[in-house]
Protein backbone atom coordinates (compact mmCIF):
# COMPACT_ATOMS: atom_id res chain seq x y z
CA MET A 1 0.00 0.00 0.00
CA THR A 2 1.38 3.38 -1.04
CA THR A 3 1.39 6.10 1.62
CA ILE A 4 -0.34 9.30 0.50
CA ALA A 5 1.45 12.35 1.86
CA HIS A 6 -0.78 15.30 0.98
CA ILE A 7 -4.12 16.32 -0.50
CA GLY A 8 -2.81 16.58 -4.07
CA GLU A 9 -1.73 12.92 -4.03
CA ALA A 10 -5.04 11.95 -2.45
CA LEU A 11 -7.04 13.59 -5.24
CA THR A 12 -4.93 11.89 -7.90
CA ALA A 13 -5.35 8.51 -6.17
CA ALA A 14 -9.12 8.97 -5.91
CA GLU A 15 -9.43 9.88 -9.60
CA ASP A 16 -7.27 6.90 -10.57
CA ALA A 17 -9.37 4.60 -8.36
CA LEU A 18 -12.54 5.61 -10.19
CA GLU A 19 -11.00 4.40 -13.44
CA ALA A 20 -9.10 1.39 -12.05
CA GLN A 21 -10.47 -2.13 -11.68
CA GLY A 22 -9.75 -5.17 -9.53
CA SER A 23 -6.72 -5.23 -7.24
CA ALA A 24 -5.49 -1.86 -8.50
CA ARG A 25 -8.64 -0.18 -7.25
CA VAL A 26 -8.45 -2.06 -3.94
CA ASP A 27 -4.87 -0.89 -3.37
CA LEU A 28 -5.76 2.72 -4.16
CA LYS A 29 -8.78 2.64 -1.82
CA GLU A 30 -6.60 1.23 0.97
CA SER A 31 -4.11 4.07 0.47
CA LEU A 32 -6.94 6.60 0.55
CA ALA A 33 -8.33 5.04 3.72
CA GLY A 34 -4.93 5.43 5.36
CA TYR A 35 -4.77 9.10 4.36
CA VAL A 36 -8.25 9.81 5.71
CA LYS A 37 -7.44 8.02 8.95
CA ARG A 38 -4.41 10.25 9.50
CA LEU A 39 -6.30 13.38 8.44
CA THR A 40 -9.16 12.74 10.89
CA SER A 41 -7.13 11.41 13.81
CA ARG A 42 -6.93 13.21 17.14
CA GLU A 43 -3.24 13.81 16.54
CA ALA A 44 -3.84 15.64 13.25
CA SER A 45 -3.03 19.34 13.15
CA LEU A 46 -5.91 21.66 14.00
CA ALA A 47 -4.51 24.35 11.72
CA PRO A 48 -7.29 25.49 9.36
CA LEU A 49 -7.21 24.01 5.88
CA ARG A 50 -7.75 27.44 4.30
CA THR A 51 -6.46 27.04 0.74
CA THR A 52 -7.00 23.26 0.72
CA ALA A 53 -10.58 23.30 2.04
CA ARG A 54 -12.10 23.12 -1.44
CA GLN A 55 -9.72 20.29 -2.32
CA HIS A 56 -10.84 18.29 0.70
CA ILE A 57 -14.47 18.83 -0.25
CA THR A 58 -13.63 17.49 -3.72
CA LEU A 59 -11.86 14.53 -2.15
CA ALA A 60 -14.94 13.78 -0.06
CA GLN A 61 -17.07 13.86 -3.22
CA LEU A 62 -14.71 11.42 -4.95
CA LEU A 63 -14.67 9.10 -1.95
CA LEU A 64 -18.47 9.08 -2.00
CA ALA A 65 -18.40 8.14 -5.69
CA LEU A 66 -16.03 5.28 -4.79
CA GLY A 67 -18.50 3.95 -2.25
CA MET A 68 -16.27 4.95 0.68
CA THR A 69 -19.20 6.61 2.41
CA GLU A 70 -17.86 6.73 5.97
CA ARG A 71 -14.47 8.04 4.83
CA SER A 72 -16.19 10.68 2.71
CA PHE A 73 -18.31 11.84 5.65
CA SER A 74 -15.23 12.00 7.90
CA VAL A 75 -13.43 14.26 5.44
CA ALA A 76 -16.52 16.47 5.07
CA ASP A 77 -16.77 16.72 8.85
CA VAL A 78 -13.12 17.77 9.16
CA ALA A 79 -13.50 20.28 6.35
CA LEU A 80 -16.50 21.90 8.06
CA ARG A 81 -14.73 22.06 11.42
CA HIS A 82 -11.59 23.63 9.95
CA MET A 83 -13.55 26.10 7.81
CA GLU A 84 -15.46 27.30 10.89
CA ILE A 85 -12.18 27.72 12.79
CA ALA A 86 -10.69 29.67 9.90
CA GLU A 87 -13.63 32.09 9.95
CA VAL A 88 -13.65 32.87 13.65
CA ASP A 89 -12.64 36.49 13.07
CA ARG A 90 -13.06 37.03 9.33
CA GLU A 91 -14.63 35.64 6.17
CA VAL A 92 -12.27 33.36 4.27
CA PHE A 93 -14.26 31.12 1.95
CA ALA A 94 -16.38 32.07 -1.02
CA PRO A 95 -20.13 31.29 -1.17
CA ASP A 96 -19.60 28.50 -3.71
CA THR A 97 -17.24 26.67 -1.31
CA TRP A 98 -19.87 26.70 1.44
CA ASN A 99 -22.48 25.65 -1.13
CA GLU A 100 -20.39 22.67 -2.24
CA LEU A 101 -19.93 21.58 1.37
CA GLY A 102 -23.65 21.97 2.12
CA SER A 103 -24.55 19.88 -0.93
CA LEU A 104 -22.04 17.23 0.16
CA LEU A 105 -23.54 17.03 3.67
CA ALA A 106 -26.97 16.67 2.08
CA GLU A 107 -25.63 13.74 0.04
CA HIS A 108 -24.67 12.16 3.35
CA ASP A 109 -28.20 12.82 4.65
CA ASP A 110 -26.85 15.17 7.32
CA LEU A 111 -29.75 17.49 6.60
CA ASP A 112 -29.58 19.77 9.65
CA ARG A 113 -25.93 20.67 9.11
CA ALA A 114 -26.50 20.90 5.36
CA ARG A 115 -29.16 23.57 5.93
CA MET A 116 -26.87 25.40 8.34
CA VAL A 117 -23.97 25.45 5.87
CA LEU A 118 -26.20 26.44 2.95
CA ASN A 119 -27.48 29.35 5.03
CA TYR A 120 -23.84 30.41 5.52
CA ALA A 121 -23.49 30.33 1.75
CA LEU A 122 -26.76 32.20 1.17
CA ASN A 123 -25.94 35.06 3.54
CA ARG A 124 -22.58 35.53 1.89
CA ALA A 125 -23.96 35.26 -1.65
CA GLN A 126 -26.64 37.87 -0.94
CA ARG A 127 -24.10 40.37 0.37
CA ARG A 128 -21.73 39.80 -2.53
CA ALA A 129 -24.39 39.43 -5.26
CA ALA A 130 -22.59 36.17 -6.08
CA PRO A 131 -23.56 34.21 -9.22
CA GLU A 132 -24.22 31.12 -7.02
CA HIS A 133 -27.17 32.85 -5.33
CA ALA A 134 -29.89 30.99 -7.26
CA ARG A 135 -28.13 27.63 -6.94
CA ILE A 136 -27.83 28.02 -3.18
CA LEU A 137 -31.53 28.88 -2.91
CA ALA A 138 -32.42 25.83 -5.01
CA ASN A 139 -30.24 23.58 -2.85
CA LEU A 140 -31.84 24.98 0.30
CA SER A 141 -35.27 24.18 -1.12
CA ALA A 142 -34.26 20.59 -1.91
CA VAL A 143 -32.72 19.99 1.52
CA SER A 144 -35.73 21.54 3.26
CA LEU A 145 -38.04 19.25 1.31
CA ARG A 146 -36.07 16.15 2.29
CA ALA A 147 -36.14 17.31 5.92
CA GLY A 148 -39.92 17.62 5.78
CA HIS A 149 -40.12 21.44 5.83
CA LEU A 150 -42.72 22.03 3.11
CA GLU A 151 -43.16 25.74 3.81
CA GLY A 152 -39.43 26.39 3.72
CA ALA A 153 -38.97 24.24 0.63
CA SER A 154 -41.69 26.11 -1.25
CA LEU A 155 -40.33 29.51 -0.17
CA TRP A 156 -36.72 28.81 -1.17
CA ALA A 157 -37.77 27.26 -4.50
CA GLN A 158 -39.87 30.27 -5.43
CA LYS A 159 -37.05 32.63 -4.45
CA ALA A 160 -34.66 30.63 -6.66
CA VAL A 161 -37.04 30.94 -9.62
CA THR A 162 -37.37 34.68 -9.00
CA VAL A 163 -33.59 35.17 -8.90
CA LEU A 164 -33.16 33.14 -12.09
CA GLY A 165 -35.86 35.14 -13.82
CA GLN A 166 -38.65 33.86 -15.98
CA SER A 167 -36.36 33.49 -18.97
CA TYR A 168 -34.32 30.32 -19.07
CA GLY A 169 -30.83 31.61 -18.69
CA GLY A 170 -27.97 31.17 -16.29
CA ASP A 171 -28.15 27.89 -14.43
CA PRO A 172 -30.23 25.01 -15.85
CA GLU A 173 -29.51 22.71 -12.89
CA ALA A 174 -30.64 25.29 -10.33
CA ARG A 175 -33.86 25.91 -12.27
CA LEU A 176 -34.45 22.15 -12.55
CA THR A 177 -34.01 21.70 -8.80
CA ALA A 178 -36.30 24.60 -7.90
CA ASP A 179 -39.08 23.51 -10.26
CA TRP A 180 -38.71 19.93 -9.07
CA VAL A 181 -39.24 21.00 -5.47
CA ARG A 182 -42.31 23.02 -6.45
CA VAL A 183 -43.81 19.94 -8.10
CA GLU A 184 -43.09 17.76 -5.07
CA VAL A 185 -44.62 20.27 -2.65
CA ALA A 186 -47.77 20.65 -4.76
CA SER A 187 -48.04 16.87 -5.04
CA ILE A 188 -47.70 16.33 -1.29
CA ARG A 189 -50.30 19.01 -0.62
CA ARG A 190 -52.59 17.54 -3.29
CA ASP A 191 -52.99 21.00 -4.77
CA THR A 192 -54.15 20.16 -8.30
CA THR A 193 -54.13 23.75 -9.55
CA GLU A 194 -50.59 24.42 -8.35
CA LEU A 195 -49.44 20.98 -9.52
CA LYS A 196 -50.58 21.63 -13.09
CA LEU A 197 -48.76 24.97 -13.20
CA ALA A 198 -45.61 23.50 -11.61
CA ILE A 199 -45.60 20.50 -13.98
CA ASP A 200 -45.61 22.71 -17.08
CA GLU A 201 -42.63 24.70 -15.80
CA PHE A 202 -40.85 21.57 -14.57
CA ALA A 203 -41.22 19.95 -18.00
CA ALA A 204 -39.56 22.97 -19.60
CA SER A 205 -36.71 22.93 -17.09
CA VAL A 206 -36.18 19.17 -17.61
CA ASP A 207 -35.82 19.68 -21.36
CA TRP A 208 -33.47 22.64 -20.80
CA PHE A 209 -31.31 20.70 -18.36
CA ILE A 210 -31.04 17.64 -20.61
CA THR A 211 -30.06 19.72 -23.66
CA SER A 212 -27.28 21.29 -21.58
CA LEU A 213 -25.70 17.89 -20.86
CA THR A 214 -23.02 16.09 -22.83
CA ASP A 215 -23.57 12.69 -21.16
CA ASP A 216 -26.72 10.63 -21.64
CA ASP A 217 -26.45 8.82 -18.31
CA ASP A 218 -26.56 11.76 -15.88
CA PRO A 219 -28.32 10.48 -12.72
CA LYS A 220 -30.17 13.73 -12.14
CA ALA A 221 -31.54 13.77 -15.67
CA ILE A 222 -32.76 10.18 -15.36
CA ALA A 223 -34.36 10.94 -11.99
CA ALA A 224 -35.97 14.12 -13.35
CA ARG A 225 -37.66 12.23 -16.19
CA SER A 226 -39.05 9.76 -13.67
CA ALA A 227 -40.25 12.55 -11.36
CA LEU A 228 -41.95 14.33 -14.25
CA ALA A 229 -43.77 11.16 -15.32
CA GLN A 230 -44.81 10.52 -11.72
CA ALA A 231 -46.19 14.04 -11.31
CA ARG A 232 -48.07 13.80 -14.60
CA PHE A 233 -49.51 10.45 -13.54
CA GLN A 234 -50.72 11.92 -10.25
CA LEU A 235 -52.30 14.88 -12.06
CA ALA A 236 -54.03 12.55 -14.51
CA ARG A 237 -55.40 10.48 -11.64
CA ALA A 238 -56.57 13.59 -9.81
CA THR A 239 -58.40 14.83 -12.93
CA GLN A 240 -59.70 11.31 -13.73
CA ASN A 241 -57.89 11.19 -17.08
CA ASP A 242 -57.38 7.41 -17.22
CA GLU A 243 -55.90 7.38 -20.71
CA ARG A 244 -53.23 9.94 -19.79
CA ALA A 245 -52.54 8.05 -16.56
CA GLU A 246 -51.79 4.85 -18.51
CA ASP A 247 -49.47 6.76 -20.85
CA GLU A 248 -47.51 8.21 -17.91
CA LEU A 249 -47.38 4.76 -16.31
CA GLY A 250 -45.58 3.62 -19.43
CA GLU A 251 -43.17 6.57 -19.13
CA LEU A 252 -42.46 5.59 -15.53
CA GLU A 253 -41.62 2.07 -16.60
CA ILE A 254 -39.27 3.36 -19.30
CA ALA A 255 -37.61 5.68 -16.77
CA HIS A 256 -37.06 2.79 -14.37
CA LEU A 257 -35.61 0.51 -17.05
CA ARG A 258 -33.34 3.33 -18.19
CA ALA A 259 -32.12 3.88 -14.65
CA VAL A 260 -31.38 0.16 -14.21
CA ALA A 261 -29.46 0.02 -17.49
CA LEU A 262 -27.42 3.21 -17.01
CA LEU A 263 -27.02 3.49 -13.23
CA GLY A 264 -27.44 -0.04 -11.93
CA ALA A 265 -30.19 -1.67 -9.87
CA ASP A 266 -28.87 -0.44 -6.51
CA HIS A 267 -28.30 3.21 -7.40
CA GLN A 268 -30.29 5.63 -5.27
CA GLN A 269 -32.02 7.20 -8.27
CA THR A 270 -32.93 3.74 -9.61
CA LEU A 271 -34.55 2.84 -6.30
CA ILE A 272 -36.54 6.11 -6.34
CA ALA A 273 -37.69 5.40 -9.90
CA GLN A 274 -38.69 1.86 -8.92
CA ALA A 275 -40.67 3.15 -5.95
CA ALA A 276 -42.44 5.73 -8.14
CA LEU A 277 -43.39 3.00 -10.63
CA ALA A 278 -44.59 0.67 -7.86
CA THR A 279 -46.84 3.26 -6.19
CA ALA A 280 -48.26 4.29 -9.58
CA GLU A 281 -48.94 0.65 -10.49
CA TYR A 282 -50.72 0.20 -7.18
CA ASP A 283 -52.91 3.27 -7.73
CA ALA A 284 -53.66 2.29 -11.33
CA ALA A 285 -54.78 -1.19 -10.26
CA ASP A 286 -58.06 0.11 -8.79
CA GLY A 287 -60.92 -1.08 -10.95
CA ALA A 288 -58.59 -2.79 -13.45
CA LEU A 289 -58.64 -6.41 -14.51
CA LEU A 290 -56.68 -8.69 -12.18
CA SER A 291 -56.62 -5.82 -9.68
CA ALA A 292 -55.55 -7.92 -6.68
CA GLU A 293 -52.68 -9.54 -8.59
CA ARG A 294 -51.50 -6.18 -9.94
CA LYS A 295 -51.54 -4.65 -6.46
CA GLN A 296 -49.62 -7.60 -5.07
CA GLN A 297 -46.94 -7.16 -7.73
CA ALA A 298 -46.72 -3.44 -6.94
CA VAL A 299 -46.26 -4.12 -3.23
CA ALA A 300 -43.54 -6.68 -4.02
CA MET A 301 -41.77 -4.15 -6.28
CA LEU A 302 -41.84 -1.45 -3.59
CA ASP A 303 -40.77 -3.95 -0.94
CA SER A 304 -37.75 -4.87 -3.07
CA ALA A 305 -36.76 -1.22 -3.54
CA THR A 306 -37.12 -0.55 0.18
CA ALA A 307 -34.98 -3.55 1.14
CA ARG A 308 -32.21 -2.53 -1.27
CA ALA A 309 -32.34 1.08 -0.03
CA ALA A 310 -31.91 -0.11 3.55
CA ARG A 311 -28.94 -2.22 2.48
CA THR A 312 -27.18 0.35 0.29
CA LEU A 313 -28.18 3.70 1.83
CA GLY A 314 -28.78 2.61 5.42
CA ARG A 315 -32.05 2.00 7.25
CA ASP A 316 -32.00 5.50 8.80
CA HIS A 317 -31.36 7.36 5.53
CA SER A 318 -34.15 9.81 4.70
CA GLN A 319 -34.74 8.12 1.35
CA THR A 320 -35.09 4.70 2.98
CA ILE A 321 -37.49 6.16 5.53
CA ALA A 322 -39.56 7.71 2.72
CA LEU A 323 -39.73 4.37 0.86
CA ARG A 324 -40.70 2.52 4.02
CA ALA A 325 -43.42 5.08 4.71
CA ALA A 326 -44.82 4.57 1.20
CA LEU A 327 -44.66 0.79 1.68
CA ALA A 328 -46.43 1.05 5.03
CA ASN A 329 -49.20 3.18 3.50
CA ILE A 330 -49.75 0.67 0.71
CA ARG A 331 -49.73 -2.28 3.08
CA SER A 332 -52.20 -0.58 5.40
CA GLU A 333 -54.56 -0.18 2.43
CA SER A 334 -54.05 -3.64 0.98
CA ALA A 335 -54.09 -5.68 4.19
CA PRO A 336 -55.97 -5.44 7.51
CA PRO A 337 -53.82 -4.27 10.47
CA ASP A 338 -53.99 -7.74 12.06
CA GLU A 339 -52.32 -9.21 8.97
CA LEU A 340 -49.25 -6.96 9.09
CA PRO A 341 -46.02 -8.81 9.92
CA TYR A 342 -44.56 -8.71 13.44
CA ASP A 343 -41.31 -7.23 12.15
CA ILE A 344 -38.62 -5.87 14.48
CA ASP A 345 -35.92 -3.69 12.96
CA HIS A 346 -33.48 -3.94 15.84
CA VAL A 347 -33.18 -5.24 19.39
CA TYR A 348 -30.91 -3.03 21.51
CA THR A 349 -29.13 -4.48 24.53
CA PRO A 350 -27.60 -2.50 27.40
CA GLN A 351 -24.24 -2.79 25.64
CA GLU A 352 -25.76 -0.75 22.77
CA SER A 353 -27.02 2.09 24.92
CA THR A 354 -25.29 4.80 22.87
CA THR A 355 -26.60 3.37 19.60
CA ARG A 356 -30.10 3.09 21.06
CA ASN A 357 -30.04 6.68 22.28
CA LYS A 358 -28.89 7.94 18.90
CA ALA A 359 -31.62 6.01 17.05
CA LYS A 360 -34.36 7.38 19.31
CA GLY A 361 -32.91 10.87 19.29
CA ASP A 362 -32.70 10.91 15.49
CA ALA A 363 -36.30 9.67 15.17
CA ILE A 364 -37.54 12.49 17.43
CA ARG A 365 -35.38 15.14 15.79
CA ARG A 366 -36.65 14.24 12.33
CA GLU A 367 -40.31 14.29 13.34
CA ARG A 368 -42.48 17.01 11.82
CA ASN A 369 -45.93 15.71 12.70
CA MET A 370 -46.63 13.91 15.98
CA ILE A 371 -44.69 12.24 18.80
CA ARG A 372 -46.49 9.93 21.23
CA LEU A 373 -44.95 8.73 24.48
CA ILE A 374 -46.00 6.35 27.24
CA ALA A 375 -43.49 6.21 30.08
CA HIS A 376 -43.40 5.84 33.85
CA ALA A 377 -42.09 9.37 34.43
CA GLY A 378 -40.79 10.59 31.05
CA ALA A 379 -37.68 12.05 32.66
CA SER A 380 -35.48 11.28 29.64
CA PHE A 381 -37.74 13.45 27.48
CA PHE A 382 -38.55 16.30 29.88
CA LEU A 383 -35.43 16.85 32.00
CA LYS A 384 -32.41 18.70 30.61
CA ASP A 385 -30.01 17.45 33.27
CA LEU A 386 -30.28 13.86 32.05
CA LYS A 387 -28.89 14.94 28.67
CA ARG A 388 -30.97 12.33 26.87
CA PHE A 389 -33.86 13.30 24.57
CA HIS A 390 -34.96 16.75 25.82
CA PRO A 391 -33.01 18.71 23.13
CA GLN A 392 -34.51 16.56 20.38
CA VAL A 393 -38.02 17.09 21.74
CA VAL A 394 -37.46 20.86 21.75
CA HIS A 395 -36.11 20.67 18.19
CA ALA A 396 -39.20 18.74 17.04
CA LEU A 397 -41.50 21.26 18.73
CA ASN A 398 -39.62 24.09 17.03
CA GLN A 399 -40.29 22.39 13.70
CA GLY A 400 -44.03 22.33 14.39
CA SER A 401 -44.44 18.79 15.69
CA ASN A 402 -47.00 17.90 18.37
CA PHE A 403 -45.99 15.96 21.50
CA TYR A 404 -48.46 13.86 23.48
CA ALA A 405 -47.20 12.12 26.63
CA ILE A 406 -48.72 9.76 29.20
CA ILE A 407 -46.92 9.17 32.51
CA SER A 408 -47.81 7.36 35.72
CA SER A 409 -49.65 9.06 38.55
CA PRO A 410 -47.44 9.03 41.68
CA TRP A 411 -50.50 7.86 43.65
CA ASN A 412 -51.23 4.66 41.74
CA SER A 413 -50.85 1.20 43.26
CA LEU A 414 -47.15 1.00 42.34
CA ALA A 415 -46.52 3.47 45.16
CA MET A 416 -46.54 0.50 47.52
CA PHE A 417 -43.17 -0.50 46.06
CA THR A 418 -41.54 2.86 46.80
CA LYS A 419 -39.80 1.74 49.99
CA HIS A 420 -37.62 -1.23 49.16
CA ASP A 421 -35.02 -0.87 51.94
CA ALA A 422 -35.61 -3.67 54.49
CA THR A 423 -34.72 -1.32 57.37
CA ALA A 424 -37.19 1.40 56.31
CA GLU A 425 -40.71 1.69 57.63
CA ARG A 426 -42.99 -0.48 55.54
CA PRO A 427 -45.78 1.31 53.67
CA ASN A 428 -49.23 1.14 55.20
CA SER A 429 -52.50 2.96 54.68
CA HIS A 430 -51.51 5.70 57.15
CA ASN A 431 -48.06 6.60 55.84
CA ILE A 432 -48.14 5.66 52.15
CA VAL A 433 -48.83 9.20 50.87
CA ASP A 434 -46.07 10.67 53.06
CA ILE A 435 -43.63 8.00 51.90
CA VAL A 436 -44.29 8.82 48.25
CA ALA A 437 -44.07 12.58 48.84
CA ALA A 438 -40.70 12.14 50.61
CA SER A 439 -39.25 9.81 47.96
CA ASP A 440 -36.46 10.78 45.56
CA TYR A 441 -38.70 9.69 42.71
CA TYR A 442 -41.38 12.22 43.60
CA ASP A 443 -39.05 15.08 44.56
CA LYS A 444 -36.30 14.70 41.95
CA THR A 445 -38.20 13.23 39.02
CA PHE A 446 -41.98 13.59 39.08
CA LEU A 447 -42.18 17.22 40.20
CA PRO A 448 -39.34 18.41 37.89
CA VAL A 449 -41.04 16.63 34.96
CA ILE A 450 -44.28 18.49 35.71
CA ASP A 451 -42.39 21.80 35.92
CA SER A 452 -40.64 21.09 32.62
CA TYR A 453 -43.95 20.25 30.98
CA ARG A 454 -45.47 23.54 32.15
CA THR A 455 -42.52 25.44 30.68
CA LEU A 456 -42.80 23.65 27.34
CA ALA A 457 -46.58 24.09 27.26
CA GLN A 458 -46.16 27.82 27.82
CA THR A 459 -43.47 28.08 25.13
CA TYR A 460 -45.30 25.88 22.60
CA PRO A 461 -49.02 26.44 23.28
CA GLY A 462 -51.27 23.85 21.68
CA GLN A 463 -48.35 21.61 20.63
CA ILE A 464 -47.82 19.56 23.78
CA GLU A 465 -50.13 17.80 26.24
CA LEU A 466 -49.35 15.63 29.26
CA ARG A 467 -51.76 13.18 30.85
CA LEU A 468 -51.42 10.96 33.93
CA THR A 469 -52.61 7.38 34.18
CA HIS A 470 -53.55 5.32 37.23
CA ILE A 471 -52.91 2.08 35.32
CA ASP A 472 -49.56 0.33 35.65
CA ILE A 473 -47.42 0.88 32.55
CA PRO A 474 -45.52 -2.27 31.49
CA GLY A 475 -42.85 -0.36 29.59
CA SER A 476 -41.84 2.82 27.77
CA THR A 477 -43.33 3.30 24.28
CA LEU A 478 -42.22 6.01 21.83
CA LEU A 479 -44.04 6.48 18.51
CA THR A 480 -43.10 8.90 15.74
CA THR A 481 -44.72 9.06 12.31
CA HIS A 482 -42.46 6.34 10.92
CA LYS A 483 -40.98 4.46 13.88
CA GLY A 484 -41.74 2.92 17.23
CA PHE A 485 -39.61 1.93 20.25
CA PHE A 486 -40.59 -0.22 23.22
CA GLU A 487 -38.57 -0.89 26.38
CA PRO A 488 -40.15 -3.21 28.99
CA TYR A 489 -39.80 -2.46 32.70
CA ILE A 490 -38.21 -5.21 34.78
CA THR A 491 -39.20 -3.75 38.16
CA SER A 492 -42.34 -2.37 39.81
CA ASN A 493 -40.42 0.05 42.03
CA PRO A 494 -41.01 3.64 40.81
CA GLU A 495 -37.55 4.73 42.01
CA ARG A 496 -35.90 2.10 39.84
CA ARG A 497 -37.89 2.88 36.69
CA THR A 498 -36.40 6.31 36.10
CA ARG A 499 -33.05 8.13 36.28
CA ARG A 500 -31.26 4.88 35.58
CA LYS A 501 -29.03 3.40 32.94
CA PHE A 502 -30.49 1.38 30.10
CA ASN A 503 -30.63 -2.07 31.76
CA VAL A 504 -33.18 -4.29 29.99
CA PHE A 505 -33.58 -4.26 26.19
CA GLU A 506 -35.45 -2.16 23.65
CA VAL A 507 -37.01 -3.07 20.32
CA GLU A 508 -37.28 -0.74 17.34
CA PHE A 509 -39.95 -1.29 14.72
CA HIS A 510 -41.28 0.56 11.71
CA LYS A 511 -44.73 1.81 10.75
CA ASP A 512 -45.33 -1.26 8.56
CA SER A 513 -45.00 -3.61 11.56
CA ARG A 514 -47.94 -5.00 13.52
CA TYR A 515 -46.12 -3.81 16.65
CA TYR A 516 -46.58 -0.20 15.49
CA THR A 517 -50.30 -0.69 14.87
CA ASP A 518 -50.81 -2.38 18.23
CA SER A 519 -48.78 0.31 20.02
CA GLY A 520 -50.82 3.06 18.42
CA TYR A 521 -54.06 1.36 19.47
CA GLU A 522 -52.75 0.96 23.03
CA PHE A 523 -51.78 4.62 23.16
CA GLY A 524 -55.27 5.62 22.09
CA ILE A 525 -56.86 3.56 24.87
CA GLN A 526 -54.43 4.85 27.50
CA TRP A 527 -54.98 8.44 26.34
CA GLU A 528 -58.73 8.18 26.82
CA LEU A 529 -58.34 6.64 30.29
CA ALA A 530 -55.62 9.04 31.48
CA SER A 531 -56.31 12.41 33.15
CA PRO A 532 -55.15 15.78 31.79
CA LEU A 533 -52.80 17.47 34.28
CA ASP A 534 -55.24 20.17 35.38
CA GLN A 535 -57.98 17.59 35.96
CA PHE A 536 -55.55 15.35 37.85
CA GLU A 537 -54.45 18.19 40.13
CA ALA A 538 -58.04 19.27 40.80
CA ASN A 539 -58.81 15.76 42.08
CA GLU A 540 -55.43 14.89 43.59
CA GLU A 541 -56.76 14.42 47.13
CA GLN A 542 -59.16 11.81 45.82
CA HIS A 543 -56.27 10.02 44.13
CA LYS A 544 -54.34 9.98 47.40
CA LYS A 545 -57.41 8.62 49.20
CA ALA A 546 -57.75 5.92 46.54
CA LEU A 547 -54.13 4.92 47.19
CA ARG A 548 -54.72 4.69 50.94
CA ASP A 549 -57.85 2.60 50.30
CA ALA A 550 -55.90 0.28 47.98
CA VAL A 551 -53.19 -0.26 50.60
CA ARG A 552 -55.82 -0.85 53.27
CA ALA A 553 -57.71 -3.29 51.04
CA GLN A 554 -54.54 -5.24 50.34
CA ALA A 555 -53.76 -5.33 54.07
CA ASP A 556 -57.27 -6.57 54.86
CA ASP A 557 -56.98 -9.23 52.18
CA ARG A 558 -53.70 -10.47 53.66
CA LEU A 559 -55.36 -10.92 57.07
CA ILE A 560 -57.04 -14.03 55.68
CA LYS A 561 -54.68 -16.93 56.32
CA ALA A 562 -53.84 -18.96 53.26
CA PRO A 563 -53.14 -22.69 53.83
CA GLY A 564 -49.51 -23.23 54.74
CA LEU A 565 -48.84 -19.46 54.97
CA PRO A 566 -49.58 -18.43 58.58
CA ARG A 567 -49.56 -14.68 59.13
CA THR A 568 -49.65 -12.47 62.20
CA VAL A 569 -50.85 -8.91 62.57
CA THR A 570 -48.67 -6.25 64.15
CA GLY A 571 -49.77 -3.26 66.18
CA ASP A 572 -49.97 -0.95 63.15
CA GLY A 573 -52.73 -3.04 61.65
CA GLU A 574 -50.55 -4.38 58.80
CA PRO A 575 -49.92 -8.12 58.28
CA ARG A 576 -46.48 -9.65 58.65
CA PRO A 577 -45.29 -13.06 57.42
């Protein structure tokens, strides 16, 4: 393996590797891996890259093309860190450099940082009247769309079109991206009027972009043709133009076959084209001959694309999530909920605590619609000091998501387990309320959670609601739009159910799993039975009385001697073995 000494050699090696085959490519990739390892190590110099920043961005792009995804992301991460250091006291890099880095981060599905970097680029381009202004706006619209920000995506796309002007001049790729986003937003909103207008302009920008190319196998051009056919199919279906819908279905099939032939079956754009064809086939099957068989084939086609996306892009990639959501929607229409498979994506053990936390945190952070939680106390989600999921919840609320949580009442029957120290006074009907009120669980967890909820409810009115249940909760359940997580409790002691390390196991499942359907149904039942916080507090004395009565009833029941289990009664009226 040849040792690469500097960025110039690394770029040459990466370009050679793209052309090389067999062992030659393997050797070059190993040399590149060694260079990246040294570049990203803790011992590497923290001196800003300055003049070589753009070269390292280019290297990261080449590594991504070579399939060295993790190495590419590492180089992009280092480039961003060094560029920020270089600009502590002055502007160093041009808008197009920040734009290239933002686009690269978007390729890695690091959408939050991509938006941040593209905003750097936009601010600078606006001040300098830079020629990249429209391209940056278009990229911001595309990243916002992938992140689920429809309003932002629509705004940036329209601004890009305005900057480009109504005449087709300047930047065909930027215009293509902006018009593409406008079509996608109109399609998601089911706005037929806007969709028709956007399709006409998108068709013109597709033709303009393709005529500007010298290569016939450009991935973006292939994907654009597929997206145009998909949008036209949706418009035809919305306007009940069955003949036009069948024509566009044929165009979708051609686009998919073209993608397979030119890009390969596992390319991201091929998988998107396959998914578009599958969903269109499913929609077109309604009322057609052999409808059930046609729908079954469409589901199988989308299932195949989803499985390959999970394998090649990663199961947490935004594109994989989008495909799985489409698959789940189709399955929910084509099969009753009780026929969905009991699929589990992952089982996390205590040794995978960090991985588990990241998966849950990412699911919350990406949510733009609704988060549902059932937990004993919810401390991980409400308390900042635990440094667990509170920042992600705040981020989701800032993005417009709603948060509905159910936690245990401190006065339910589990309160009898609060004192577990053999030397402590045992709970009885006279002291049980005082024992709970004096417990660490009540003072350091329950009350702070309530305070945190009040703060969030005041900051995000109408977006968050907390309810309390008197029913024992068997485990913590988290549901987002696309994913679910369940962690069973192994103890009945309230003080050992919260503020603890991950010590059992947790399963992760997707929307197309029966576990998700069952969890959603359970949440609905629990929500109806639980009490809103203000109602709970208005009747709290009754809840305390109910707890005393439950302890007394259990004590009375234990007074009856069971065969072979003689019991005595002590002076406090409580039974003892």
